[in-house]
Amino acid sequence: MASKNLILDSLPTSEYEWLQPKLTEVELQQSDILYQAREQIRSVYFPTTCLLSLTNSTEMGEIVEIGVTSNEGLSGVTLLLGEDISPWRTEVQMSGRALKLKSEDFTTALDQFKTLRQRVAAFSYLKMVQLSQSALCDRFHSVEERLCRWLLVAQDHSKRSEFSLTREILAEMIGAGRPTVSLVTGTLQSAGLIRADRGKITILNREGMEDAACECYFVVKEALEQYLTQKIKL
């Protein structure tokens, strides 16, 4: 039976059968924290229907998102490097299910199984692209461009057009002020690109959103497509 996680479903039968009895399905809710930054990674999560957000924050509590993960990947990817301390906070952005695996079982599997190791390495490369492009985007692009990029990336990963999101959450994710985000969402709604209801945003015109987004979206989209078709060379 397919797990609905692309890494797990791409494994040879022998590798998946070793992992399967050690996997526990869990229901994750929006805003659940899987790990704080600089916290030990005790479990790895393979999303099946949820969306995870990787964030970092200042000492003053200002938060910005640096990447997202859905059913194409997993949390705790630094275990591949032998590092069990998370460099960022991982929280649930969209509620759903995931398969949970103890970190010691995951590291044992990485040591034993070549295909799993290759898949996690390819996913690690995808995260590097996201992280580097996020830094560039936050520095040089407008709030409107960043907001369009974020919504498009969220749609690509979640396969949804409607998101349960407040203005506060959006402001945190793109590193902008809430009043500015409210103004921009109003502009995008007036242009017919989105519908912004209380606590909910729906993408209405994807093509128009792509026109309004910065080039960072297309860099990240291409990396995701390469990863999904296993064109990334290991």
C-alpha atoms as a PDB file:
ATOM      1  CA  MET A   1       0.000   0.000   0.000  1.00  0.00           C
ATOM      2  CA  ALA A   2       1.334   3.432  -0.944  1.00  0.00           C
ATOM      3  CA  SER A   3       2.289   5.655   1.962  1.00  0.00           C
ATOM      4  CA  LYS A   4       1.478   8.903   0.054  1.00  0.00           C
ATOM      5  CA  ASN A   5       4.971  10.197   0.827  1.00  0.00           C
ATOM      6  CA  LEU A   6       7.076  10.362  -2.329  1.00  0.00           C
ATOM      7  CA  ILE A   7      10.381   9.423  -0.695  1.00  0.00           C
ATOM      8  CA  LEU A   8       8.929   6.359   1.003  1.00  0.00           C
ATOM      9  CA  ASP A   9       6.979   5.323  -2.091  1.00  0.00           C
ATOM     10  CA  SER A  10      10.123   5.508  -4.257  1.00  0.00           C
ATOM     11  CA  LEU A  11      12.053   3.016  -2.127  1.00  0.00           C
ATOM     12  CA  PRO A  12      12.714  -0.598  -3.100  1.00  0.00           C
ATOM     13  CA  THR A  13      10.380  -3.067  -1.414  1.00  0.00           C
ATOM     14  CA  SER A  14      13.126  -4.366   0.884  1.00  0.00           C
ATOM     15  CA  GLU A  15      13.915  -0.880   2.225  1.00  0.00           C
ATOM     16  CA  TYR A  16      10.285   0.108   2.718  1.00  0.00           C
ATOM     17  CA  GLU A  17       9.416  -3.179   4.432  1.00  0.00           C
ATOM     18  CA  TRP A  18      12.196  -2.541   6.964  1.00  0.00           C
ATOM     19  CA  LEU A  19      10.836   0.940   7.683  1.00  0.00           C
ATOM     20  CA  GLN A  20       7.099   0.247   7.587  1.00  0.00           C
ATOM     21  CA  PRO A  21       6.622  -1.365  11.041  1.00  0.00           C
ATOM     22  CA  LYS A  22       8.607   1.478  12.587  1.00  0.00           C
ATOM     23  CA  LEU A  23       6.404   4.201  11.071  1.00  0.00           C
ATOM     24  CA  THR A  24       3.517   5.666  13.058  1.00  0.00           C
ATOM     25  CA  GLU A  25       0.802   7.725  11.385  1.00  0.00           C
ATOM     26  CA  VAL A  26       0.096  10.972  13.243  1.00  0.00           C
ATOM     27  CA  GLU A  27      -2.432  13.766  12.756  1.00  0.00           C
ATOM     28  CA  LEU A  28      -0.778  17.192  12.851  1.00  0.00           C
ATOM     29  CA  GLN A  29      -2.592  20.472  13.431  1.00  0.00           C
ATOM     30  CA  GLN A  30      -1.736  23.935  12.132  1.00  0.00           C
ATOM     31  CA  SER A  31       0.818  25.655  14.421  1.00  0.00           C
ATOM     32  CA  ASP A  32       2.056  22.382  15.973  1.00  0.00           C
ATOM     33  CA  ILE A  33       5.808  22.708  16.602  1.00  0.00           C
ATOM     34  CA  LEU A  34       7.818  19.629  15.621  1.00  0.00           C
ATOM     35  CA  TYR A  35      11.146  21.119  16.724  1.00  0.00           C
ATOM     36  CA  GLN A  36      12.404  24.478  17.825  1.00  0.00           C
ATOM     37  CA  ALA A  37      15.630  25.865  16.389  1.00  0.00           C
ATOM     38  CA  ARG A  38      18.684  24.400  18.131  1.00  0.00           C
ATOM     39  CA  GLU A  39      16.569  21.600  19.589  1.00  0.00           C
ATOM     40  CA  GLN A  40      17.449  17.915  19.312  1.00  0.00           C
ATOM     41  CA  ILE A  41      15.699  16.014  16.528  1.00  0.00           C
ATOM     42  CA  ARG A  42      14.108  13.005  18.225  1.00  0.00           C
ATOM     43  CA  SER A  43      11.791  11.983  15.394  1.00  0.00           C
ATOM     44  CA  VAL A  44      11.582  12.398  11.636  1.00  0.00           C
ATOM     45  CA  TYR A  45       8.263  13.213   9.977  1.00  0.00           C
ATOM     46  CA  PHE A  46       7.334  12.157   6.438  1.00  0.00           C
ATOM     47  CA  PRO A  47       4.355  14.383   5.475  1.00  0.00           C
ATOM     48  CA  THR A  48       1.544  12.736   3.563  1.00  0.00           C
ATOM     49  CA  THR A  49      -1.180  15.409   3.563  1.00  0.00           C
ATOM     50  CA  CYS A  50       0.217  18.226   5.752  1.00  0.00           C
ATOM     51  CA  LEU A  51       2.515  21.139   4.907  1.00  0.00           C
ATOM     52  CA  LEU A  52       5.500  21.941   7.130  1.00  0.00           C
ATOM     53  CA  SER A  53       7.115  25.352   7.425  1.00  0.00           C
ATOM     54  CA  LEU A  54      10.796  25.918   8.232  1.00  0.00           C
ATOM     55  CA  THR A  55      11.321  29.230  10.006  1.00  0.00           C
ATOM     56  CA  ASN A  56      13.964  31.215  11.822  1.00  0.00           C
ATOM     57  CA  SER A  57      13.588  34.107  14.236  1.00  0.00           C
ATOM     58  CA  THR A  58      15.466  36.966  15.852  1.00  0.00           C
ATOM     59  CA  GLU A  59      15.970  37.463  19.584  1.00  0.00           C
ATOM     60  CA  MET A  60      13.035  39.891  19.433  1.00  0.00           C
ATOM     61  CA  GLY A  61      10.778  37.120  18.138  1.00  0.00           C
ATOM     62  CA  GLU A  62      10.525  38.317  14.539  1.00  0.00           C
ATOM     63  CA  ILE A  63       9.912  35.287  12.322  1.00  0.00           C
ATOM     64  CA  VAL A  64      10.555  34.585   8.651  1.00  0.00           C
ATOM     65  CA  GLU A  65      10.015  31.417   6.657  1.00  0.00           C
ATOM     66  CA  ILE A  66      12.983  29.889   4.843  1.00  0.00           C
ATOM     67  CA  GLY A  67      11.388  26.816   3.277  1.00  0.00           C
ATOM     68  CA  VAL A  68       8.427  24.440   3.127  1.00  0.00           C
ATOM     69  CA  THR A  69       8.073  20.675   3.012  1.00  0.00           C
ATOM     70  CA  SER A  70       5.129  18.521   2.006  1.00  0.00           C
ATOM     71  CA  ASN A  71       4.767  14.935   0.844  1.00  0.00           C
ATOM     72  CA  GLU A  72       7.825  15.230  -1.423  1.00  0.00           C
ATOM     73  CA  GLY A  73      10.142  15.101   1.575  1.00  0.00           C
ATOM     74  CA  LEU A  74      10.687  14.866   5.297  1.00  0.00           C
ATOM     75  CA  SER A  75      11.687  16.821   8.361  1.00  0.00           C
ATOM     76  CA  GLY A  76      14.979  16.364  10.214  1.00  0.00           C
ATOM     77  CA  VAL A  77      17.024  16.262   7.024  1.00  0.00           C
ATOM     78  CA  THR A  78      20.240  17.302   8.829  1.00  0.00           C
ATOM     79  CA  LEU A  79      20.442  13.778  10.264  1.00  0.00           C
ATOM     80  CA  LEU A  80      21.872  12.827   6.864  1.00  0.00           C
ATOM     81  CA  LEU A  81      24.908  14.937   7.816  1.00  0.00           C
ATOM     82  CA  GLY A  82      25.193  13.317  11.228  1.00  0.00           C
ATOM     83  CA  GLU A  83      23.736  16.409  12.927  1.00  0.00           C
ATOM     84  CA  ASP A  84      20.800  15.838  15.289  1.00  0.00           C
ATOM     85  CA  ILE A  85      20.278  19.489  16.267  1.00  0.00           C
ATOM     86  CA  SER A  86      17.733  21.333  14.143  1.00  0.00           C
ATOM     87  CA  PRO A  87      19.066  24.606  12.638  1.00  0.00           C
ATOM     88  CA  TRP A  88      15.524  25.984  12.258  1.00  0.00           C
ATOM     89  CA  ARG A  89      12.066  25.716  13.741  1.00  0.00           C
ATOM     90  CA  THR A  90       9.759  23.245  12.015  1.00  0.00           C
ATOM     91  CA  GLU A  91       6.041  23.807  12.451  1.00  0.00           C
ATOM     92  CA  VAL A  92       2.851  22.663  10.777  1.00  0.00           C
ATOM     93  CA  GLN A  93       1.572  25.272   8.338  1.00  0.00           C
ATOM     94  CA  MET A  94      -1.382  23.247   7.015  1.00  0.00           C
ATOM     95  CA  SER A  95      -3.036  20.514   9.042  1.00  0.00           C
ATOM     96  CA  GLY A  96      -2.843  16.929   7.850  1.00  0.00           C
ATOM     97  CA  ARG A  97      -1.159  13.589   8.377  1.00  0.00           C
ATOM     98  CA  ALA A  98       2.445  12.446   8.504  1.00  0.00           C
ATOM     99  CA  LEU A  99       4.375   9.261   9.192  1.00  0.00           C
ATOM    100  CA  LYS A 100       6.625   9.535  12.242  1.00  0.00           C
ATOM    101  CA  LEU A 101       9.907   7.645  12.636  1.00  0.00           C
ATOM    102  CA  LYS A 102      12.309   7.662  15.579  1.00  0.00           C
ATOM    103  CA  SER A 103      15.536   9.426  14.657  1.00  0.00           C
ATOM    104  CA  GLU A 104      17.679   6.444  15.679  1.00  0.00           C
ATOM    105  CA  ASP A 105      15.714   4.198  13.293  1.00  0.00           C
ATOM    106  CA  PHE A 106      16.119   6.777  10.547  1.00  0.00           C
ATOM    107  CA  THR A 107      19.898   7.042  10.981  1.00  0.00           C
ATOM    108  CA  THR A 108      20.182   3.243  11.036  1.00  0.00           C
ATOM    109  CA  ALA A 109      18.225   3.095   7.775  1.00  0.00           C
ATOM    110  CA  LEU A 110      20.453   5.762   6.210  1.00  0.00           C
ATOM    111  CA  ASP A 111      23.501   3.656   7.054  1.00  0.00           C
ATOM    112  CA  GLN A 112      21.969   0.489   5.628  1.00  0.00           C
ATOM    113  CA  PHE A 113      20.004   1.556   2.574  1.00  0.00           C
ATOM    114  CA  LYS A 114      21.500   3.202  -0.509  1.00  0.00           C
ATOM    115  CA  THR A 115      18.271   4.317  -2.188  1.00  0.00           C
ATOM    116  CA  LEU A 116      16.929   6.011   0.942  1.00  0.00           C
ATOM    117  CA  ARG A 117      20.242   7.808   1.351  1.00  0.00           C
ATOM    118  CA  GLN A 118      20.130   8.978  -2.281  1.00  0.00           C
ATOM    119  CA  ARG A 119      16.528  10.204  -2.002  1.00  0.00           C
ATOM    120  CA  VAL A 120      17.264  12.142   1.180  1.00  0.00           C
ATOM    121  CA  ALA A 121      20.397  13.637  -0.407  1.00  0.00           C
ATOM    122  CA  ALA A 122      18.345  14.811  -3.405  1.00  0.00           C
ATOM    123  CA  PHE A 123      15.785  16.329  -1.058  1.00  0.00           C
ATOM    124  CA  SER A 124      18.593  18.070   0.853  1.00  0.00           C
ATOM    125  CA  TYR A 125      19.671  19.743  -2.381  1.00  0.00           C
ATOM    126  CA  LEU A 126      16.110  20.973  -2.903  1.00  0.00           C
ATOM    127  CA  LYS A 127      16.178  22.512   0.586  1.00  0.00           C
ATOM    128  CA  MET A 128      19.461  24.282  -0.230  1.00  0.00           C
ATOM    129  CA  VAL A 129      17.849  25.860  -3.298  1.00  0.00           C
ATOM    130  CA  GLN A 130      14.876  26.994  -1.217  1.00  0.00           C
ATOM    131  CA  LEU A 131      17.064  28.445   1.530  1.00  0.00           C
ATOM    132  CA  SER A 132      19.379  30.372  -0.784  1.00  0.00           C
ATOM    133  CA  GLN A 133      16.531  31.717  -2.909  1.00  0.00           C
ATOM    134  CA  SER A 134      14.570  32.734   0.179  1.00  0.00           C
ATOM    135  CA  ALA A 135      17.495  34.837   1.412  1.00  0.00           C
ATOM    136  CA  LEU A 136      17.769  36.559  -1.980  1.00  0.00           C
ATOM    137  CA  CYS A 137      14.027  37.137  -2.222  1.00  0.00           C
ATOM    138  CA  ASP A 138      13.668  38.647   1.248  1.00  0.00           C
ATOM    139  CA  ARG A 139      16.467  41.100   0.505  1.00  0.00           C
ATOM    140  CA  PHE A 140      15.572  42.326  -2.985  1.00  0.00           C
ATOM    141  CA  HIS A 141      11.904  41.764  -3.823  1.00  0.00           C
ATOM    142  CA  SER A 142       8.702  43.586  -2.943  1.00  0.00           C
ATOM    143  CA  VAL A 143       6.095  42.342  -0.486  1.00  0.00           C
ATOM    144  CA  GLU A 144       3.668  41.727  -3.361  1.00  0.00           C
ATOM    145  CA  GLU A 145       6.206  39.612  -5.247  1.00  0.00           C
ATOM    146  CA  ARG A 146       7.102  37.654  -2.113  1.00  0.00           C
ATOM    147  CA  LEU A 147       3.477  37.068  -1.185  1.00  0.00           C
ATOM    148  CA  CYS A 148       2.660  35.760  -4.665  1.00  0.00           C
ATOM    149  CA  ARG A 149       5.747  33.536  -4.538  1.00  0.00           C
ATOM    150  CA  TRP A 150       4.758  32.139  -1.152  1.00  0.00           C
ATOM    151  CA  LEU A 151       1.199  31.322  -2.187  1.00  0.00           C
ATOM    152  CA  LEU A 152       2.338  29.678  -5.426  1.00  0.00           C
ATOM    153  CA  VAL A 153       4.962  27.582  -3.627  1.00  0.00           C
ATOM    154  CA  ALA A 154       2.360  26.567  -1.043  1.00  0.00           C
ATOM    155  CA  GLN A 155       0.014  25.526  -3.842  1.00  0.00           C
ATOM    156  CA  ASP A 156       2.733  23.533  -5.611  1.00  0.00           C
ATOM    157  CA  HIS A 157       3.546  21.632  -2.428  1.00  0.00           C
ATOM    158  CA  SER A 158       0.050  21.156  -1.020  1.00  0.00           C
ATOM    159  CA  LYS A 159      -1.889  20.774  -4.304  1.00  0.00           C
ATOM    160  CA  ARG A 160      -4.513  23.100  -2.801  1.00  0.00           C
ATOM    161  CA  SER A 161      -5.925  26.416  -3.989  1.00  0.00           C
ATOM    162  CA  GLU A 162      -7.545  27.387  -0.684  1.00  0.00           C
ATOM    163  CA  PHE A 163      -5.493  27.995   2.454  1.00  0.00           C
ATOM    164  CA  SER A 164      -6.497  28.602   6.069  1.00  0.00           C
ATOM    165  CA  LEU A 165      -4.202  31.554   6.739  1.00  0.00           C
ATOM    166  CA  THR A 166      -4.461  34.745   8.742  1.00  0.00           C
ATOM    167  CA  ARG A 167      -2.751  37.983   7.759  1.00  0.00           C
ATOM    168  CA  GLU A 168      -0.511  37.542  10.806  1.00  0.00           C
ATOM    169  CA  ILE A 169       0.737  34.162   9.602  1.00  0.00           C
ATOM    170  CA  LEU A 170       1.350  35.468   6.085  1.00  0.00           C
ATOM    171  CA  ALA A 171       3.251  38.443   7.469  1.00  0.00           C
ATOM    172  CA  GLU A 172       5.500  36.113   9.477  1.00  0.00           C
ATOM    173  CA  MET A 173       6.104  33.789   6.553  1.00  0.00           C
ATOM    174  CA  ILE A 174       7.322  36.507   4.188  1.00  0.00           C
ATOM    175  CA  GLY A 175       8.949  38.769   6.772  1.00  0.00           C
ATOM    176  CA  ALA A 176       6.648  41.761   6.349  1.00  0.00           C
ATOM    177  CA  GLY A 177       4.371  43.870   8.536  1.00  0.00           C
ATOM    178  CA  ARG A 178       0.744  42.884   8.939  1.00  0.00           C
ATOM    179  CA  PRO A 179      -0.642  46.244   7.673  1.00  0.00           C
ATOM    180  CA  THR A 180       1.467  45.924   4.520  1.00  0.00           C
ATOM    181  CA  VAL A 181       0.314  42.348   3.955  1.00  0.00           C
ATOM    182  CA  SER A 182      -3.318  43.418   4.402  1.00  0.00           C
ATOM    183  CA  LEU A 183      -2.819  46.173   1.817  1.00  0.00           C
ATOM    184  CA  VAL A 184      -1.176  43.799  -0.670  1.00  0.00           C
ATOM    185  CA  THR A 185      -3.817  41.081  -0.268  1.00  0.00           C
ATOM    186  CA  GLY A 186      -6.448  43.742  -0.920  1.00  0.00           C
ATOM    187  CA  THR A 187      -4.635  44.790  -4.096  1.00  0.00           C
ATOM    188  CA  LEU A 188      -4.367  41.187  -5.315  1.00  0.00           C
ATOM    189  CA  GLN A 189      -8.039  40.605  -4.550  1.00  0.00           C
ATOM    190  CA  SER A 190      -9.059  43.731  -6.468  1.00  0.00           C
ATOM    191  CA  ALA A 191      -7.054  42.425  -9.433  1.00  0.00           C
ATOM    192  CA  GLY A 192      -9.003  39.150  -9.304  1.00  0.00           C
ATOM    193  CA  LEU A 193      -5.943  37.053  -8.459  1.00  0.00           C
ATOM    194  CA  ILE A 194      -7.050  35.858  -5.017  1.00  0.00           C
ATOM    195  CA  ARG A 195     -10.055  35.887  -2.720  1.00  0.00           C
ATOM    196  CA  ALA A 196      -9.137  36.958   0.797  1.00  0.00           C
ATOM    197  CA  ASP A 197     -11.749  36.032   3.395  1.00  0.00           C
ATOM    198  CA  ARG A 198     -11.347  36.110   7.159  1.00  0.00           C
ATOM    199  CA  GLY A 199      -8.686  33.510   7.968  1.00  0.00           C
ATOM    200  CA  LYS A 200      -8.729  32.102   4.442  1.00  0.00           C
ATOM    201  CA  ILE A 201      -7.070  32.853   1.090  1.00  0.00           C
ATOM    202  CA  THR A 202      -7.994  31.269  -2.240  1.00  0.00           C
ATOM    203  CA  ILE A 203      -5.952  31.483  -5.446  1.00  0.00           C
ATOM    204  CA  LEU A 204      -8.319  32.376  -8.301  1.00  0.00           C
ATOM    205  CA  ASN A 205      -5.935  33.181 -11.163  1.00  0.00           C
ATOM    206  CA  ARG A 206      -2.715  31.193 -11.081  1.00  0.00           C
ATOM    207  CA  GLU A 207      -1.372  32.631 -14.338  1.00  0.00           C
ATOM    208  CA  GLY A 208      -1.861  36.146 -13.046  1.00  0.00           C
ATOM    209  CA  MET A 209      -0.153  35.208  -9.776  1.00  0.00           C
ATOM    210  CA  GLU A 210       2.850  33.889 -11.701  1.00  0.00           C
ATOM    211  CA  ASP A 211       3.057  37.178 -13.606  1.00  0.00           C
ATOM    212  CA  ALA A 212       3.048  39.075 -10.307  1.00  0.00           C
ATOM    213  CA  ALA A 213       5.603  36.834  -8.568  1.00  0.00           C
ATOM    214  CA  CYS A 214       9.364  37.387  -8.677  1.00  0.00           C
ATOM    215  CA  GLU A 215      11.821  35.145 -10.518  1.00  0.00           C
ATOM    216  CA  CYS A 216      12.603  33.362  -7.246  1.00  0.00           C
ATOM    217  CA  TYR A 217       9.368  31.418  -7.600  1.00  0.00           C
ATOM    218  CA  PHE A 218      10.432  29.954 -10.934  1.00  0.00           C
ATOM    219  CA  VAL A 219      13.878  28.984  -9.621  1.00  0.00           C
ATOM    220  CA  VAL A 220      12.293  27.086  -6.728  1.00  0.00           C
ATOM    221  CA  LYS A 221       9.604  25.604  -8.990  1.00  0.00           C
ATOM    222  CA  GLU A 222      12.217  24.287 -11.433  1.00  0.00           C
ATOM    223  CA  ALA A 223      14.215  22.717  -8.597  1.00  0.00           C
ATOM    224  CA  LEU A 224      11.067  21.026  -7.287  1.00  0.00           C
ATOM    225  CA  GLU A 225      10.182  19.696 -10.740  1.00  0.00           C
ATOM    226  CA  GLN A 226      13.720  18.364 -11.210  1.00  0.00           C
ATOM    227  CA  TYR A 227      13.553  16.689  -7.831  1.00  0.00           C
ATOM    228  CA  LEU A 228      10.168  15.125  -8.542  1.00  0.00           C
ATOM    229  CA  THR A 229      11.409  13.676 -11.829  1.00  0.00           C
ATOM    230  CA  GLN A 230      14.713  12.609 -10.232  1.00  0.00           C
ATOM    231  CA  LYS A 231      16.748  14.758 -12.625  1.00  0.00           C
ATOM    232  CA  ILE A 232      18.964  15.969  -9.800  1.00  0.00           C
ATOM    233  CA  LYS A 233      22.283  14.182 -10.159  1.00  0.00           C
ATOM    234  CA  LEU A 234      23.696  12.620  -7.011  1.00  0.00           C
END
